[in-house]
Amino acid sequence: MNLKGKNFLTLLDFTPEEITGLLDLAAELKAKKKAGIFHDDYKGKNIALIFEKTSTRTRCSFEVAAHDLGMHVTYLDPTGSQIGKKESIADTARVLGRLYDGIEYRGFGQAIVEELAKHAGVPVWNGLTNEYHPTQILADMLTIREHFGSLKGRKLVFMGDCRYNMANSLMIGCAKLGLHFVACGPEGYFPNPELIARCEKIAAETGATLAFETDPMKATAGADVIYTDVWVSMGEPMSAWEERLAKMLPYQVNAKIMANAGENAVFMHCLPAFHDLNTGIGKEVGERFRLDALEVTDEVFESKQSIVFDEAENRMHTIKAVMAATL
């Protein structure tokens, strides 16, 4: 696997063999870290982290991974750069590309990270855009492989709003690696037809299948993985919640859904999760709409079937593999 100098913008750009190679490298680096074996082979490298949307897991994963590899990190928060404001994306890319060996971007439209990659001259990594979240999918696939021992043929069901980055990227990852992907949500809340068509072509070559279902019980029967995400994206006003909740509540992951999937099924979530009222937003929404949980109940989130924190840890190991492979 030779990915040196390659951007990491969407899994559509990688072959199944390359994705598997990244998972294998992540597993190797994880084993070294657990064994206390230093792997700081990238001393002298410097990377820039551009965060137009703040994050806990993505920032910490990139920073710890970089430090483990021996690299130095510069973090630019939403007020820390002039990208797209006083300086164009292209000019920002050309400046940072002269100073850094790699650039991570987490923010809004996919076009922004694509523009950075076009002009930077160094590897650019997508930490999340509105359309794609590829580093999360690597972590998810590593976690599923660790738990079940294999990926091919596993059934993954994404519950809720299937129009954005998580459902898009899970569909791509499943298509590439031969899993059976089911998007389960209200009519009109599925990925765009163009992306579905691209993934169907990939699935035809890998043995994967894609399905789109509005009935939660039909969708989750026999599932290996039940996956969900928050129902309202970062930055959306509280006024968006009422309409969304009416559509999404039938797709809440609860004990009934997990029982329908089967005793060997696992629950996954990219986090943060509104499984209780112990957050500011969770409390506000809960009190306003008289709910004690949103996309997943606390009973499921805290159950033995939940592997969300294995998944969260694996963000760091897979991000480390991406940086190591492309640098």
Protein backbone atom coordinates (compact mmCIF):
# COMPACT_ATOMS: atom_id res chain seq x y z
CA MET A 1 0.00 0.00 0.00
CA ASN A 2 1.59 3.26 -1.14
CA LEU A 3 -0.50 6.26 -0.14
CA LYS A 4 2.36 8.73 0.38
CA GLY A 5 1.27 12.22 -0.60
CA LYS A 6 -2.38 11.22 -1.07
CA ASN A 7 -5.24 13.30 0.32
CA PHE A 8 -7.86 11.71 2.57
CA LEU A 9 -11.11 13.46 1.64
CA THR A 10 -13.68 10.68 1.15
CA LEU A 11 -13.51 6.89 1.07
CA LEU A 12 -14.78 7.05 -2.51
CA ASP A 13 -11.15 7.87 -3.44
CA PHE A 14 -9.78 4.59 -2.01
CA THR A 15 -9.96 0.98 -3.11
CA PRO A 16 -11.24 -1.74 -0.78
CA GLU A 17 -7.64 -3.00 -0.54
CA GLU A 18 -6.35 0.44 0.47
CA ILE A 19 -9.06 0.85 3.11
CA THR A 20 -8.29 -2.60 4.49
CA GLY A 21 -4.60 -1.67 4.49
CA LEU A 22 -5.34 1.40 6.59
CA LEU A 23 -7.32 -0.74 9.04
CA ASP A 24 -4.44 -3.21 9.25
CA LEU A 25 -1.97 -0.37 9.87
CA ALA A 26 -4.26 1.10 12.54
CA ALA A 27 -4.42 -2.28 14.28
CA GLU A 28 -0.62 -2.57 14.16
CA LEU A 29 -0.12 0.93 15.59
CA LYS A 30 -2.76 0.29 18.25
CA ALA A 31 -0.96 -2.88 19.33
CA LYS A 32 2.33 -0.98 19.56
CA LYS A 33 0.75 1.74 21.70
CA LYS A 34 -0.83 -0.82 24.03
CA ALA A 35 2.53 -2.58 24.35
CA GLY A 36 4.37 0.68 25.07
CA ILE A 37 6.42 0.42 21.86
CA PHE A 38 7.42 3.86 20.59
CA HIS A 39 6.55 4.61 16.96
CA ASP A 40 7.66 8.23 16.71
CA ASP A 41 9.14 7.89 13.22
CA TYR A 42 7.83 11.26 12.05
CA LYS A 43 9.98 13.58 14.16
CA GLY A 44 10.44 16.92 12.45
CA LYS A 45 7.03 16.81 10.79
CA ASN A 46 4.50 19.56 11.47
CA ILE A 47 0.75 19.49 10.87
CA ALA A 48 -1.98 22.12 10.99
CA LEU A 49 -5.48 21.39 12.31
CA ILE A 50 -8.13 23.76 10.96
CA PHE A 51 -11.37 23.56 12.95
CA GLU A 52 -14.23 25.71 11.67
CA LYS A 53 -16.46 23.38 13.73
CA THR A 54 -15.18 22.57 17.20
CA SER A 55 -14.83 18.97 18.37
CA THR A 56 -13.65 16.84 21.27
CA ARG A 57 -12.85 13.46 19.64
CA THR A 58 -11.49 14.71 16.31
CA ARG A 59 -9.15 17.28 17.82
CA CYS A 60 -7.88 15.02 20.58
CA SER A 61 -7.48 12.08 18.20
CA PHE A 62 -5.38 14.08 15.75
CA GLU A 63 -3.27 15.68 18.48
CA VAL A 64 -2.52 12.46 20.39
CA ALA A 65 -1.89 10.55 17.16
CA ALA A 66 0.49 13.25 15.93
CA HIS A 67 2.37 13.36 19.23
CA ASP A 68 2.70 9.57 19.25
CA LEU A 69 4.21 9.77 15.76
CA GLY A 70 6.67 12.44 16.94
CA MET A 71 5.05 15.37 15.12
CA HIS A 72 4.26 18.92 16.19
CA VAL A 73 0.72 20.32 15.92
CA THR A 74 -0.75 23.78 15.39
CA TYR A 75 -4.45 24.03 16.23
CA LEU A 76 -6.50 26.75 14.52
CA ASP A 77 -9.96 27.19 16.02
CA PRO A 78 -12.85 29.07 14.34
CA THR A 79 -11.28 32.40 15.36
CA GLY A 80 -7.68 31.32 14.73
CA SER A 81 -7.45 31.66 10.96
CA GLN A 82 -8.64 33.95 8.19
CA ILE A 83 -9.68 31.11 5.86
CA GLY A 84 -12.50 32.27 3.62
CA LYS A 85 -12.72 35.61 5.44
CA LYS A 86 -9.69 37.84 4.85
CA GLU A 87 -7.87 35.18 2.85
CA SER A 88 -9.18 32.85 0.17
CA ILE A 89 -9.16 29.11 0.67
CA ALA A 90 -6.65 28.73 -2.17
CA ASP A 91 -4.26 31.30 -0.69
CA THR A 92 -4.58 29.78 2.79
CA ALA A 93 -3.76 26.36 1.36
CA ARG A 94 -0.68 27.63 -0.46
CA VAL A 95 0.63 29.37 2.66
CA LEU A 96 0.03 26.45 5.01
CA GLY A 97 1.39 24.01 2.45
CA ARG A 98 4.73 25.87 2.59
CA LEU A 99 4.84 25.67 6.40
CA TYR A 100 3.34 22.27 7.21
CA ASP A 101 3.68 18.66 6.10
CA GLY A 102 -0.04 17.95 6.37
CA ILE A 103 -3.33 19.79 6.96
CA GLU A 104 -6.53 18.61 8.64
CA TYR A 105 -9.82 20.40 7.99
CA ARG A 106 -13.07 20.07 9.95
CA GLY A 107 -15.90 22.35 8.95
CA PHE A 108 -18.64 22.92 6.45
CA GLY A 109 -18.94 22.11 2.74
CA GLN A 110 -16.88 19.37 1.12
CA ALA A 111 -15.90 21.91 -1.54
CA ILE A 112 -13.75 23.70 1.06
CA VAL A 113 -11.58 20.67 1.90
CA GLU A 114 -11.40 19.82 -1.82
CA GLU A 115 -10.15 23.34 -2.55
CA LEU A 116 -7.56 23.09 0.22
CA ALA A 117 -6.32 19.82 -1.22
CA LYS A 118 -6.14 21.24 -4.72
CA HIS A 119 -3.72 24.00 -3.71
CA ALA A 120 -1.85 22.83 -0.59
CA GLY A 121 0.76 20.58 -2.17
CA VAL A 122 0.77 18.43 1.00
CA PRO A 123 -1.72 15.78 2.20
CA VAL A 124 -5.05 17.18 3.36
CA TRP A 125 -7.26 15.12 5.70
CA ASN A 126 -11.01 15.50 6.09
CA GLY A 127 -11.90 15.65 9.78
CA LEU A 128 -15.59 16.19 8.94
CA THR A 129 -17.61 18.10 6.38
CA ASN A 130 -21.34 18.39 5.85
CA GLU A 131 -21.16 15.60 3.28
CA TYR A 132 -18.51 13.15 4.53
CA HIS A 133 -16.80 11.93 7.71
CA PRO A 134 -14.23 9.36 6.49
CA THR A 135 -12.01 9.19 9.59
CA GLN A 136 -15.05 8.18 11.64
CA ILE A 137 -15.86 5.34 9.24
CA LEU A 138 -12.36 3.90 9.53
CA ALA A 139 -12.77 3.87 13.31
CA ASP A 140 -16.20 2.26 12.97
CA MET A 141 -14.93 -0.47 10.65
CA LEU A 142 -11.93 -1.22 12.87
CA THR A 143 -14.28 -1.51 15.86
CA ILE A 144 -16.70 -3.83 14.06
CA ARG A 145 -13.80 -5.99 12.86
CA GLU A 146 -12.37 -6.20 16.37
CA HIS A 147 -15.74 -7.20 17.82
CA PHE A 148 -16.91 -9.71 15.22
CA GLY A 149 -13.58 -10.80 13.73
CA SER A 150 -14.63 -9.86 10.19
CA LEU A 151 -16.46 -7.23 8.16
CA LYS A 152 -17.71 -8.83 4.96
CA GLY A 153 -21.36 -9.86 5.13
CA ARG A 154 -22.15 -7.99 8.36
CA LYS A 155 -25.46 -6.08 8.42
CA LEU A 156 -25.26 -2.44 9.56
CA VAL A 157 -28.41 -0.36 10.03
CA PHE A 158 -28.21 3.42 10.32
CA MET A 159 -31.27 4.83 12.12
CA GLY A 160 -32.62 8.37 11.81
CA ASP A 161 -31.75 11.20 9.46
CA CYS A 162 -29.91 9.49 6.59
CA ARG A 163 -29.22 12.58 4.45
CA TYR A 164 -25.89 13.77 5.77
CA ASN A 165 -22.25 12.89 6.43
CA MET A 166 -22.64 9.85 8.68
CA ALA A 167 -25.16 7.91 6.61
CA ASN A 168 -23.34 8.94 3.41
CA SER A 169 -19.98 7.77 4.70
CA LEU A 170 -21.25 4.57 6.31
CA MET A 171 -22.96 3.68 3.04
CA ILE A 172 -19.68 4.20 1.17
CA GLY A 173 -17.66 2.24 3.74
CA CYS A 174 -20.10 -0.67 3.71
CA ALA A 175 -20.18 -0.71 -0.09
CA LYS A 176 -16.39 -0.71 -0.30
CA LEU A 177 -15.87 -3.44 2.30
CA GLY A 178 -18.73 -5.79 1.47
CA LEU A 179 -21.16 -5.12 4.32
CA HIS A 180 -24.95 -5.02 4.04
CA PHE A 181 -26.04 -1.41 4.62
CA VAL A 182 -29.57 -0.37 5.54
CA ALA A 183 -30.64 3.27 5.86
CA CYS A 184 -33.72 3.44 8.08
CA GLY A 185 -35.60 6.72 8.39
CA PRO A 186 -38.66 8.67 7.26
CA GLU A 187 -39.47 8.95 3.57
CA GLY A 188 -37.40 11.76 2.07
CA TYR A 189 -34.60 11.42 4.65
CA PHE A 190 -32.31 9.16 2.61
CA PRO A 191 -28.96 9.87 0.87
CA ASN A 192 -29.06 11.64 -2.48
CA PRO A 193 -29.76 9.41 -5.50
CA GLU A 194 -26.44 10.21 -7.21
CA LEU A 195 -24.41 8.94 -4.25
CA ILE A 196 -26.65 5.88 -3.92
CA ALA A 197 -26.04 5.07 -7.59
CA ARG A 198 -22.25 5.35 -7.13
CA CYS A 199 -22.37 3.09 -4.09
CA GLU A 200 -24.56 0.53 -5.86
CA LYS A 201 -21.91 0.19 -8.58
CA ILE A 202 -19.24 -0.37 -5.92
CA ALA A 203 -21.46 -2.84 -4.05
CA ALA A 204 -21.96 -4.88 -7.22
CA GLU A 205 -18.20 -5.53 -7.26
CA THR A 206 -17.71 -6.23 -3.53
CA GLY A 207 -20.80 -8.26 -2.67
CA ALA A 208 -22.27 -5.52 -0.49
CA THR A 209 -25.97 -4.66 -0.56
CA LEU A 210 -27.80 -1.37 0.01
CA ALA A 211 -31.36 -1.02 1.28
CA PHE A 212 -33.60 1.90 2.26
CA GLU A 213 -36.42 1.23 4.71
CA THR A 214 -38.97 3.32 6.60
CA ASP A 215 -40.08 0.52 8.95
CA PRO A 216 -37.66 0.21 11.90
CA MET A 217 -38.63 -3.38 12.71
CA LYS A 218 -38.12 -4.59 9.15
CA ALA A 219 -34.83 -2.69 8.89
CA THR A 220 -33.27 -3.96 12.11
CA ALA A 221 -34.24 -7.64 11.93
CA GLY A 222 -31.08 -9.72 11.99
CA ALA A 223 -28.76 -6.71 12.18
CA ASP A 224 -25.22 -7.02 13.52
CA VAL A 225 -24.79 -3.27 14.10
CA ILE A 226 -27.38 -0.64 14.98
CA TYR A 227 -25.93 2.84 14.42
CA THR A 228 -27.38 6.28 15.01
CA ASP A 229 -26.35 9.93 15.25
CA VAL A 230 -27.81 13.14 16.65
CA TRP A 231 -30.99 14.29 14.96
CA VAL A 232 -30.13 17.98 14.64
CA SER A 233 -26.75 19.10 13.39
CA MET A 234 -24.32 21.39 15.19
CA GLY A 235 -25.37 25.03 15.09
CA GLU A 236 -29.01 24.48 14.15
CA PRO A 237 -31.46 26.61 16.17
CA MET A 238 -33.86 25.15 18.74
CA SER A 239 -36.71 25.96 16.35
CA ALA A 240 -35.48 23.14 14.13
CA TRP A 241 -36.06 20.54 16.85
CA GLU A 242 -39.85 20.40 16.96
CA GLU A 243 -40.30 19.39 13.32
CA ARG A 244 -37.32 17.02 13.41
CA LEU A 245 -38.45 15.28 16.59
CA ALA A 246 -41.86 14.52 15.11
CA LYS A 247 -40.14 12.77 12.21
CA MET A 248 -37.36 11.07 14.16
CA LEU A 249 -38.92 9.70 17.35
CA PRO A 250 -40.11 6.47 15.67
CA TYR A 251 -36.43 5.82 14.83
CA GLN A 252 -35.06 6.13 18.35
CA VAL A 253 -32.74 3.24 19.24
CA ASN A 254 -34.28 1.60 22.30
CA ALA A 255 -34.48 -1.82 23.95
CA LYS A 256 -37.21 -2.96 21.54
CA ILE A 257 -35.02 -2.17 18.53
CA MET A 258 -31.99 -3.92 20.01
CA ALA A 259 -34.06 -6.99 20.91
CA ASN A 260 -35.37 -7.11 17.35
CA ALA A 261 -31.83 -7.03 16.02
CA GLY A 262 -30.78 -9.94 18.18
CA GLU A 263 -28.72 -10.69 21.26
CA ASN A 264 -25.40 -10.52 19.38
CA ALA A 265 -26.10 -7.09 17.88
CA VAL A 266 -24.03 -4.10 18.99
CA PHE A 267 -24.90 -0.43 19.29
CA MET A 268 -22.66 2.28 17.81
CA HIS A 269 -22.74 6.09 17.80
CA CYS A 270 -20.16 8.61 16.57
CA LEU A 271 -20.85 10.85 19.63
CA PRO A 272 -21.79 13.13 21.26
CA ALA A 273 -25.07 11.38 22.11
CA PHE A 274 -28.22 12.73 23.74
CA HIS A 275 -28.98 9.58 25.75
CA ASP A 276 -29.88 11.49 28.93
CA LEU A 277 -30.44 15.03 30.18
CA ASN A 278 -26.89 15.60 31.43
CA THR A 279 -25.97 18.12 28.74
CA GLY A 280 -27.16 21.66 28.18
CA ILE A 281 -28.88 20.87 24.89
CA GLY A 282 -30.23 17.55 26.15
CA LYS A 283 -31.73 19.19 29.20
CA GLU A 284 -33.30 22.02 27.20
CA VAL A 285 -34.81 19.69 24.61
CA GLY A 286 -35.91 17.19 27.24
CA GLU A 287 -37.69 19.77 29.32
CA ARG A 288 -39.33 21.43 26.31
CA PHE A 289 -40.59 18.22 24.74
CA ARG A 290 -40.88 16.05 27.88
CA LEU A 291 -38.35 13.45 26.78
CA ASP A 292 -35.66 11.73 28.82
CA ALA A 293 -33.56 10.76 25.76
CA LEU A 294 -33.38 11.52 22.05
CA GLU A 295 -31.77 9.32 19.37
CA VAL A 296 -30.83 6.54 21.82
CA THR A 297 -32.13 5.63 25.27
CA ASP A 298 -29.79 5.57 28.22
CA GLU A 299 -30.67 1.92 28.72
CA VAL A 300 -29.14 1.03 25.35
CA PHE A 301 -26.26 3.49 25.53
CA GLU A 302 -25.07 2.07 28.86
CA SER A 303 -25.78 -1.58 27.98
CA LYS A 304 -23.29 -4.37 27.30
CA GLN A 305 -24.28 -4.15 23.62
CA SER A 306 -22.93 -0.61 23.41
CA ILE A 307 -19.39 -0.35 22.02
CA VAL A 308 -19.35 3.42 21.56
CA PHE A 309 -16.24 4.01 23.66
CA ASP A 310 -14.21 1.34 21.84
CA GLU A 311 -15.30 3.18 18.72
CA ALA A 312 -14.28 6.56 20.16
CA GLU A 313 -10.81 5.28 21.10
CA ASN A 314 -10.30 3.85 17.63
CA ARG A 315 -10.65 7.32 16.13
CA MET A 316 -7.12 8.00 17.34
CA HIS A 317 -5.64 4.75 16.04
CA THR A 318 -7.19 5.05 12.57
CA ILE A 319 -6.33 8.75 12.25
CA LYS A 320 -2.76 7.85 13.16
CA ALA A 321 -2.76 5.26 10.38
CA VAL A 322 -4.04 7.81 7.85
CA MET A 323 -1.34 10.32 8.74
CA ALA A 324 1.42 7.73 8.81
CA ALA A 325 0.38 6.25 5.46
CA THR A 326 0.03 9.57 3.65
CA LEU A 327 3.15 11.24 5.08
